[in-house]
Amino acid sequence: PVSIMIETFGTNHVPQEEIEAAVEKVFDLRPAA
């Protein structure tokens, strides 16, 4: 992907940067994956 954005609208219960880093670590968003 050329970009990935996570928006939680101020409803996050952990720091936003943790959610972004967790998503990047857990999900492989290449089409074949």
PDB file of all heavy atoms in Angstrom:
ATOM      1  N   PRO A   1       0.831  -1.209   0.000  1.00  0.00           N
ATOM      2  CA  PRO A   1       0.000   0.000   0.000  1.00  0.00           C
ATOM      3  C   PRO A   1       0.861   1.253   0.000  1.00  0.00           C
ATOM      4  O   PRO A   1       1.949   1.270   0.600  1.00  0.00           O
ATOM      5  CB  PRO A   1      -0.790  -0.119   1.310  1.00  0.00           C
ATOM      6  CG  PRO A   1      -0.742  -1.557   1.685  1.00  0.00           C
ATOM      7  CD  PRO A   1       0.565  -2.072   1.179  1.00  0.00           C
ATOM      8  N   VAL A   2       0.390   2.291  -0.673  1.00  0.00           N
ATOM      9  CA  VAL A   2       1.122   3.558  -0.643  1.00  0.00           C
ATOM     10  C   VAL A   2       0.853   4.320   0.646  1.00  0.00           C
ATOM     11  O   VAL A   2       1.637   5.182   1.048  1.00  0.00           O
ATOM     12  CB  VAL A   2       0.797   4.439  -1.871  1.00  0.00           C
ATOM     13  CG1 VAL A   2       1.193   3.723  -3.155  1.00  0.00           C
ATOM     14  CG2 VAL A   2      -0.688   4.807  -1.923  1.00  0.00           C
ATOM     15  N   SER A   3      -0.269   4.009   1.314  1.00  0.00           N
ATOM     16  CA  SER A   3      -0.548   4.625   2.614  1.00  0.00           C
ATOM     17  C   SER A   3      -1.583   3.809   3.373  1.00  0.00           C
ATOM     18  O   SER A   3      -2.411   3.121   2.777  1.00  0.00           O
ATOM     19  CB  SER A   3      -1.051   6.069   2.453  1.00  0.00           C
ATOM     20  OG  SER A   3      -2.333   6.094   1.843  1.00  0.00           O
ATOM     21  N   ILE A   4      -1.499   3.888   4.705  1.00  0.00           N
ATOM     22  CA  ILE A   4      -2.485   3.290   5.611  1.00  0.00           C
ATOM     23  C   ILE A   4      -2.783   4.331   6.681  1.00  0.00           C
ATOM     24  O   ILE A   4      -1.855   4.878   7.287  1.00  0.00           O
ATOM     25  CB  ILE A   4      -1.958   2.005   6.276  1.00  0.00           C
ATOM     26  CG1 ILE A   4      -1.579   0.962   5.220  1.00  0.00           C
ATOM     27  CG2 ILE A   4      -3.010   1.425   7.233  1.00  0.00           C
ATOM     28  CD1 ILE A   4      -0.819  -0.226   5.782  1.00  0.00           C
ATOM     29  N   MET A   5      -4.052   4.629   6.894  1.00  0.00           N
ATOM     30  CA  MET A   5      -4.449   5.610   7.903  1.00  0.00           C
ATOM     31  C   MET A   5      -5.448   4.989   8.865  1.00  0.00           C
ATOM     32  O   MET A   5      -6.362   4.278   8.442  1.00  0.00           O
ATOM     33  CB  MET A   5      -5.081   6.843   7.245  1.00  0.00           C
ATOM     34  CG  MET A   5      -5.469   7.940   8.228  1.00  0.00           C
ATOM     35  SD  MET A   5      -6.775   9.025   7.625  1.00  0.00           S
ATOM     36  CE  MET A   5      -8.224   7.988   7.733  1.00  0.00           C
ATOM     37  N   ILE A   6      -5.282   5.255  10.140  1.00  0.00           N
ATOM     38  CA  ILE A   6      -6.208   4.796  11.177  1.00  0.00           C
ATOM     39  C   ILE A   6      -6.804   6.022  11.862  1.00  0.00           C
ATOM     40  O   ILE A   6      -6.070   6.872  12.365  1.00  0.00           O
ATOM     41  CB  ILE A   6      -5.495   3.925  12.236  1.00  0.00           C
ATOM     42  CG1 ILE A   6      -4.608   2.850  11.585  1.00  0.00           C
ATOM     43  CG2 ILE A   6      -6.519   3.324  13.198  1.00  0.00           C
ATOM     44  CD1 ILE A   6      -5.348   1.791  10.850  1.00  0.00           C
ATOM     45  N   GLU A   7      -8.137   6.118  11.890  1.00  0.00           N
ATOM     46  CA  GLU A   7      -8.829   7.230  12.554  1.00  0.00           C
ATOM     47  C   GLU A   7      -9.774   6.649  13.600  1.00  0.00           C
ATOM     48  O   GLU A   7     -10.580   5.764  13.285  1.00  0.00           O
ATOM     49  CB  GLU A   7      -9.609   8.044  11.523  1.00  0.00           C
ATOM     50  CG  GLU A   7     -10.525   9.095  12.111  1.00  0.00           C
ATOM     51  CD  GLU A   7      -9.772  10.174  12.871  1.00  0.00           C
ATOM     52  OE1 GLU A   7      -9.122  11.010  12.213  1.00  0.00           O
ATOM     53  OE2 GLU A   7      -9.830  10.153  14.127  1.00  0.00           O
ATOM     54  N   THR A   8      -9.655   7.123  14.838  1.00  0.00           N
ATOM     55  CA  THR A   8     -10.519   6.621  15.903  1.00  0.00           C
ATOM     56  C   THR A   8     -11.429   7.701  16.483  1.00  0.00           C
ATOM     57  O   THR A   8     -12.137   7.451  17.454  1.00  0.00           O
ATOM     58  CB  THR A   8      -9.689   5.977  17.020  1.00  0.00           C
ATOM     59  OG1 THR A   8      -8.751   6.935  17.517  1.00  0.00           O
ATOM     60  CG2 THR A   8      -8.938   4.750  16.506  1.00  0.00           C
ATOM     61  N   PHE A   9     -11.420   8.892  15.930  1.00  0.00           N
ATOM     62  CA  PHE A   9     -12.376   9.947  16.274  1.00  0.00           C
ATOM     63  C   PHE A   9     -12.358  10.303  17.766  1.00  0.00           C
ATOM     64  O   PHE A   9     -13.392  10.663  18.341  1.00  0.00           O
ATOM     65  CB  PHE A   9     -13.792   9.540  15.856  1.00  0.00           C
ATOM     66  CG  PHE A   9     -13.897   9.097  14.421  1.00  0.00           C
ATOM     67  CD1 PHE A   9     -13.846   7.737  14.097  1.00  0.00           C
ATOM     68  CD2 PHE A   9     -14.010  10.016  13.399  1.00  0.00           C
ATOM     69  CE1 PHE A   9     -13.919   7.315  12.774  1.00  0.00           C
ATOM     70  CE2 PHE A   9     -14.083   9.593  12.068  1.00  0.00           C
ATOM     71  CZ  PHE A   9     -14.047   8.249  11.753  1.00  0.00           C
ATOM     72  N   GLY A  10     -11.194  10.176  18.377  1.00  0.00           N
ATOM     73  CA  GLY A  10     -11.086  10.498  19.794  1.00  0.00           C
ATOM     74  C   GLY A  10     -11.680   9.468  20.725  1.00  0.00           C
ATOM     75  O   GLY A  10     -11.785   9.709  21.931  1.00  0.00           O
ATOM     76  N   THR A  11     -12.038   8.288  20.197  1.00  0.00           N
ATOM     77  CA  THR A  11     -12.650   7.239  21.033  1.00  0.00           C
ATOM     78  C   THR A  11     -11.633   6.182  21.461  1.00  0.00           C
ATOM     79  O   THR A  11     -12.016   5.169  22.040  1.00  0.00           O
ATOM     80  CB  THR A  11     -13.801   6.534  20.286  1.00  0.00           C
ATOM     81  OG1 THR A  11     -13.263   5.759  19.206  1.00  0.00           O
ATOM     82  CG2 THR A  11     -14.805   7.544  19.750  1.00  0.00           C
ATOM     83  N   ASN A  12     -10.353   6.391  21.159  1.00  0.00           N
ATOM     84  CA  ASN A  12      -9.332   5.383  21.461  1.00  0.00           C
ATOM     85  C   ASN A  12      -9.121   5.243  22.961  1.00  0.00           C
ATOM     86  O   ASN A  12      -9.179   6.215  23.726  1.00  0.00           O
ATOM     87  CB  ASN A  12      -8.011   5.731  20.775  1.00  0.00           C
ATOM     88  CG  ASN A  12      -7.561   7.155  21.022  1.00  0.00           C
ATOM     89  OD1 ASN A  12      -8.270   8.109  20.683  1.00  0.00           O
ATOM     90  ND2 ASN A  12      -6.380   7.313  21.602  1.00  0.00           N
ATOM     91  N   HIS A  13      -8.866   4.002  23.398  1.00  0.00           N
ATOM     92  CA  HIS A  13      -8.620   3.689  24.807  1.00  0.00           C
ATOM     93  C   HIS A  13      -7.150   3.388  25.081  1.00  0.00           C
ATOM     94  O   HIS A  13      -6.773   3.142  26.229  1.00  0.00           O
ATOM     95  CB  HIS A  13      -9.482   2.501  25.237  1.00  0.00           C
ATOM     96  CG  HIS A  13     -10.951   2.766  25.087  1.00  0.00           C
ATOM     97  ND1 HIS A  13     -11.624   3.720  25.822  1.00  0.00           N
ATOM     98  CD2 HIS A  13     -11.880   2.218  24.249  1.00  0.00           C
ATOM     99  CE1 HIS A  13     -12.904   3.738  25.469  1.00  0.00           C
ATOM    100  NE2 HIS A  13     -13.081   2.838  24.508  1.00  0.00           N
ATOM    101  N   VAL A  14      -6.353   3.357  24.035  1.00  0.00           N
ATOM    102  CA  VAL A  14      -4.893   3.290  24.148  1.00  0.00           C
ATOM    103  C   VAL A  14      -4.353   4.383  23.231  1.00  0.00           C
ATOM    104  O   VAL A  14      -5.079   4.884  22.357  1.00  0.00           O
ATOM    105  CB  VAL A  14      -4.335   1.901  23.747  1.00  0.00           C
ATOM    106  CG1 VAL A  14      -4.915   0.806  24.640  1.00  0.00           C
ATOM    107  CG2 VAL A  14      -4.614   1.594  22.287  1.00  0.00           C
ATOM    108  N   PRO A  15      -3.111   4.782  23.390  1.00  0.00           N
ATOM    109  CA  PRO A  15      -2.580   5.844  22.527  1.00  0.00           C
ATOM    110  C   PRO A  15      -2.734   5.521  21.037  1.00  0.00           C
ATOM    111  O   PRO A  15      -2.540   4.381  20.614  1.00  0.00           O
ATOM    112  CB  PRO A  15      -1.103   5.919  22.937  1.00  0.00           C
ATOM    113  CG  PRO A  15      -1.083   5.447  24.355  1.00  0.00           C
ATOM    114  CD  PRO A  15      -2.130   4.370  24.428  1.00  0.00           C
ATOM    115  N   GLN A  16      -3.093   6.548  20.271  1.00  0.00           N
ATOM    116  CA  GLN A  16      -3.321   6.372  18.838  1.00  0.00           C
ATOM    117  C   GLN A  16      -2.111   5.752  18.145  1.00  0.00           C
ATOM    118  O   GLN A  16      -2.259   4.864  17.293  1.00  0.00           O
ATOM    119  CB  GLN A  16      -3.644   7.735  18.198  1.00  0.00           C
ATOM    120  CG  GLN A  16      -3.896   7.699  16.701  1.00  0.00           C
ATOM    121  CD  GLN A  16      -5.242   7.110  16.327  1.00  0.00           C
ATOM    122  OE1 GLN A  16      -6.145   7.027  17.154  1.00  0.00           O
ATOM    123  NE2 GLN A  16      -5.388   6.693  15.081  1.00  0.00           N
ATOM    124  N   GLU A  17      -0.915   6.185  18.536  1.00  0.00           N
ATOM    125  CA  GLU A  17       0.280   5.656  17.882  1.00  0.00           C
ATOM    126  C   GLU A  17       0.473   4.163  18.155  1.00  0.00           C
ATOM    127  O   GLU A  17       1.039   3.435  17.327  1.00  0.00           O
ATOM    128  CB  GLU A  17       1.532   6.440  18.297  1.00  0.00           C
ATOM    129  CG  GLU A  17       1.806   6.481  19.791  1.00  0.00           C
ATOM    130  CD  GLU A  17       1.140   7.656  20.498  1.00  0.00           C
ATOM    131  OE1 GLU A  17       0.159   8.221  19.947  1.00  0.00           O
ATOM    132  OE2 GLU A  17       1.607   8.001  21.602  1.00  0.00           O
ATOM    133  N   GLU A  18      -0.019   3.694  19.291  1.00  0.00           N
ATOM    134  CA  GLU A  18       0.047   2.260  19.574  1.00  0.00           C
ATOM    135  C   GLU A  18      -0.878   1.471  18.646  1.00  0.00           C
ATOM    136  O   GLU A  18      -0.520   0.384  18.172  1.00  0.00           O
ATOM    137  CB  GLU A  18      -0.316   1.973  21.037  1.00  0.00           C
ATOM    138  CG  GLU A  18       0.758   2.353  22.035  1.00  0.00           C
ATOM    139  CD  GLU A  18       0.480   1.771  23.415  1.00  0.00           C
ATOM    140  OE1 GLU A  18      -0.349   0.840  23.525  1.00  0.00           O
ATOM    141  OE2 GLU A  18       1.093   2.264  24.387  1.00  0.00           O
ATOM    142  N   ILE A  19      -2.059   2.014  18.403  1.00  0.00           N
ATOM    143  CA  ILE A  19      -2.997   1.338  17.491  1.00  0.00           C
ATOM    144  C   ILE A  19      -2.393   1.261  16.095  1.00  0.00           C
ATOM    145  O   ILE A  19      -2.421   0.209  15.443  1.00  0.00           O
ATOM    146  CB  ILE A  19      -4.351   2.082  17.457  1.00  0.00           C
ATOM    147  CG1 ILE A  19      -5.008   2.066  18.842  1.00  0.00           C
ATOM    148  CG2 ILE A  19      -5.280   1.443  16.419  1.00  0.00           C
ATOM    149  CD1 ILE A  19      -6.293   2.868  18.923  1.00  0.00           C
ATOM    150  N   GLU A  20      -1.832   2.370  15.631  1.00  0.00           N
ATOM    151  CA  GLU A  20      -1.234   2.395  14.292  1.00  0.00           C
ATOM    152  C   GLU A  20      -0.090   1.390  14.182  1.00  0.00           C
ATOM    153  O   GLU A  20       0.009   0.653  13.186  1.00  0.00           O
ATOM    154  CB  GLU A  20      -0.754   3.807  13.975  1.00  0.00           C
ATOM    155  CG  GLU A  20      -1.901   4.812  13.842  1.00  0.00           C
ATOM    156  CD  GLU A  20      -1.433   6.254  13.814  1.00  0.00           C
ATOM    157  OE1 GLU A  20      -0.204   6.487  13.982  1.00  0.00           O
ATOM    158  OE2 GLU A  20      -2.272   7.149  13.629  1.00  0.00           O
ATOM    159  N   ALA A  21       0.774   1.356  15.196  1.00  0.00           N
ATOM    160  CA  ALA A  21       1.902   0.425  15.178  1.00  0.00           C
ATOM    161  C   ALA A  21       1.419  -1.023  15.264  1.00  0.00           C
ATOM    162  O   ALA A  21       1.967  -1.921  14.598  1.00  0.00           O
ATOM    163  CB  ALA A  21       2.855   0.739  16.327  1.00  0.00           C
ATOM    164  N   ALA A  22       0.383  -1.267  16.059  1.00  0.00           N
ATOM    165  CA  ALA A  22      -0.157  -2.624  16.205  1.00  0.00           C
ATOM    166  C   ALA A  22      -0.755  -3.120  14.897  1.00  0.00           C
ATOM    167  O   ALA A  22      -0.556  -4.276  14.498  1.00  0.00           O
ATOM    168  CB  ALA A  22      -1.202  -2.654  17.313  1.00  0.00           C
ATOM    169  N   VAL A  23      -1.499  -2.253  14.213  1.00  0.00           N
ATOM    170  CA  VAL A  23      -2.087  -2.635  12.925  1.00  0.00           C
ATOM    171  C   VAL A  23      -0.992  -2.973  11.919  1.00  0.00           C
ATOM    172  O   VAL A  23      -1.069  -3.973  11.195  1.00  0.00           O
ATOM    173  CB  VAL A  23      -2.999  -1.504  12.390  1.00  0.00           C
ATOM    174  CG1 VAL A  23      -3.351  -1.735  10.922  1.00  0.00           C
ATOM    175  CG2 VAL A  23      -4.272  -1.409  13.227  1.00  0.00           C
ATOM    176  N   GLU A  24       0.042  -2.146  11.876  1.00  0.00           N
ATOM    177  CA  GLU A  24       1.142  -2.406  10.944  1.00  0.00           C
ATOM    178  C   GLU A  24       1.831  -3.733  11.248  1.00  0.00           C
ATOM    179  O   GLU A  24       2.228  -4.461  10.342  1.00  0.00           O
ATOM    180  CB  GLU A  24       2.161  -1.266  11.003  1.00  0.00           C
ATOM    181  CG  GLU A  24       3.276  -1.416   9.982  1.00  0.00           C
ATOM    182  CD  GLU A  24       4.214  -0.224   9.958  1.00  0.00           C
ATOM    183  OE1 GLU A  24       3.969   0.761  10.680  1.00  0.00           O
ATOM    184  OE2 GLU A  24       5.212  -0.280   9.213  1.00  0.00           O
ATOM    185  N   LYS A  25       1.952  -4.069  12.525  1.00  0.00           N
ATOM    186  CA  LYS A  25       2.613  -5.315  12.923  1.00  0.00           C
ATOM    187  C   LYS A  25       1.752  -6.543  12.657  1.00  0.00           C
ATOM    188  O   LYS A  25       2.255  -7.590  12.212  1.00  0.00           O
ATOM    189  CB  LYS A  25       2.968  -5.250  14.415  1.00  0.00           C
ATOM    190  CG  LYS A  25       3.661  -6.499  14.945  1.00  0.00           C
ATOM    191  CD  LYS A  25       4.004  -6.355  16.415  1.00  0.00           C
ATOM    192  CE  LYS A  25       4.699  -7.616  16.946  1.00  0.00           C
ATOM    193  NZ  LYS A  25       5.040  -7.483  18.396  1.00  0.00           N
ATOM    194  N   VAL A  26       0.456  -6.437  12.886  1.00  0.00           N
ATOM    195  CA  VAL A  26      -0.438  -7.602  12.865  1.00  0.00           C
ATOM    196  C   VAL A  26      -0.980  -7.912  11.469  1.00  0.00           C
ATOM    197  O   VAL A  26      -1.159  -9.088  11.117  1.00  0.00           O
ATOM    198  CB  VAL A  26      -1.594  -7.392  13.865  1.00  0.00           C
ATOM    199  CG1 VAL A  26      -2.664  -8.474  13.715  1.00  0.00           C
ATOM    200  CG2 VAL A  26      -1.059  -7.360  15.290  1.00  0.00           C
ATOM    201  N   PHE A  27      -1.237  -6.886  10.667  1.00  0.00           N
ATOM    202  CA  PHE A  27      -1.891  -7.085   9.373  1.00  0.00           C
ATOM    203  C   PHE A  27      -0.928  -6.842   8.207  1.00  0.00           C
ATOM    204  O   PHE A  27      -0.281  -5.797   8.144  1.00  0.00           O
ATOM    205  CB  PHE A  27      -3.092  -6.141   9.220  1.00  0.00           C
ATOM    206  CG  PHE A  27      -4.215  -6.426  10.169  1.00  0.00           C
ATOM    207  CD1 PHE A  27      -4.313  -5.749  11.385  1.00  0.00           C
ATOM    208  CD2 PHE A  27      -5.192  -7.362   9.854  1.00  0.00           C
ATOM    209  CE1 PHE A  27      -5.354  -6.005  12.266  1.00  0.00           C
ATOM    210  CE2 PHE A  27      -6.241  -7.622  10.730  1.00  0.00           C
ATOM    211  CZ  PHE A  27      -6.318  -6.946  11.934  1.00  0.00           C
ATOM    212  N   ASP A  28      -0.865  -7.789   7.293  1.00  0.00           N
ATOM    213  CA  ASP A  28      -0.145  -7.625   6.034  1.00  0.00           C
ATOM    214  C   ASP A  28      -1.169  -7.252   4.976  1.00  0.00           C
ATOM    215  O   ASP A  28      -2.026  -8.068   4.611  1.00  0.00           O
ATOM    216  CB  ASP A  28       0.566  -8.923   5.655  1.00  0.00           C
ATOM    217  CG  ASP A  28       1.491  -8.769   4.450  1.00  0.00           C
ATOM    218  OD1 ASP A  28       1.316  -7.800   3.682  1.00  0.00           O
ATOM    219  OD2 ASP A  28       2.381  -9.624   4.274  1.00  0.00           O
ATOM    220  N   LEU A  29      -1.106  -6.020   4.477  1.00  0.00           N
ATOM    221  CA  LEU A  29      -2.148  -5.507   3.594  1.00  0.00           C
ATOM    222  C   LEU A  29      -1.725  -5.459   2.130  1.00  0.00           C
ATOM    223  O   LEU A  29      -2.318  -4.737   1.333  1.00  0.00           O
ATOM    224  CB  LEU A  29      -2.608  -4.134   4.096  1.00  0.00           C
ATOM    225  CG  LEU A  29      -3.265  -4.184   5.485  1.00  0.00           C
ATOM    226  CD1 LEU A  29      -3.568  -2.783   6.002  1.00  0.00           C
ATOM    227  CD2 LEU A  29      -4.532  -5.033   5.474  1.00  0.00           C
ATOM    228  N   ARG A  30      -0.747  -6.263   1.761  1.00  0.00           N
ATOM    229  CA  ARG A  30      -0.462  -6.479   0.349  1.00  0.00           C
ATOM    230  C   ARG A  30      -1.591  -7.341  -0.241  1.00  0.00           C
ATOM    231  O   ARG A  30      -2.100  -8.245   0.444  1.00  0.00           O
ATOM    232  CB  ARG A  30       0.888  -7.164   0.177  1.00  0.00           C
ATOM    233  CG  ARG A  30       2.080  -6.296   0.536  1.00  0.00           C
ATOM    234  CD  ARG A  30       3.381  -7.061   0.496  1.00  0.00           C
ATOM    235  NE  ARG A  30       3.473  -8.064   1.563  1.00  0.00           N
ATOM    236  CZ  ARG A  30       4.475  -8.930   1.684  1.00  0.00           C
ATOM    237  NH1 ARG A  30       5.456  -8.930   0.794  1.00  0.00           N
ATOM    238  NH2 ARG A  30       4.482  -9.803   2.681  1.00  0.00           N
ATOM    239  N   PRO A  31      -2.013  -7.079  -1.484  1.00  0.00           N
ATOM    240  CA  PRO A  31      -3.167  -7.810  -2.035  1.00  0.00           C
ATOM    241  C   PRO A  31      -3.053  -9.326  -1.937  1.00  0.00           C
ATOM    242  O   PRO A  31      -4.015  -9.999  -1.552  1.00  0.00           O
ATOM    243  CB  PRO A  31      -3.211  -7.336  -3.495  1.00  0.00           C
ATOM    244  CG  PRO A  31      -2.639  -5.961  -3.440  1.00  0.00           C
ATOM    245  CD  PRO A  31      -1.564  -6.009  -2.403  1.00  0.00           C
ATOM    246  N   ALA A  32      -1.904  -9.896  -2.267  1.00  0.00           N
ATOM    247  CA  ALA A  32      -1.763 -11.356  -2.210  1.00  0.00           C
ATOM    248  C   ALA A  32      -1.889 -11.870  -0.786  1.00  0.00           C
ATOM    249  O   ALA A  32      -2.441 -12.960  -0.554  1.00  0.00           O
ATOM    250  CB  ALA A  32      -0.414 -11.775  -2.806  1.00  0.00           C
ATOM    251  N   ALA A  33      -1.395 -11.100   0.178  1.00  0.00           N
ATOM    252  CA  ALA A  33      -1.505 -11.500   1.584  1.00  0.00           C
ATOM    253  C   ALA A  33      -2.958 -11.436   2.045  1.00  0.00           C
ATOM    254  O   ALA A  33      -3.426 -12.300   2.800  1.00  0.00           O
ATOM    255  CB  ALA A  33      -0.623 -10.604   2.449  1.00  0.00           C
TER     256      ALA A  33
END
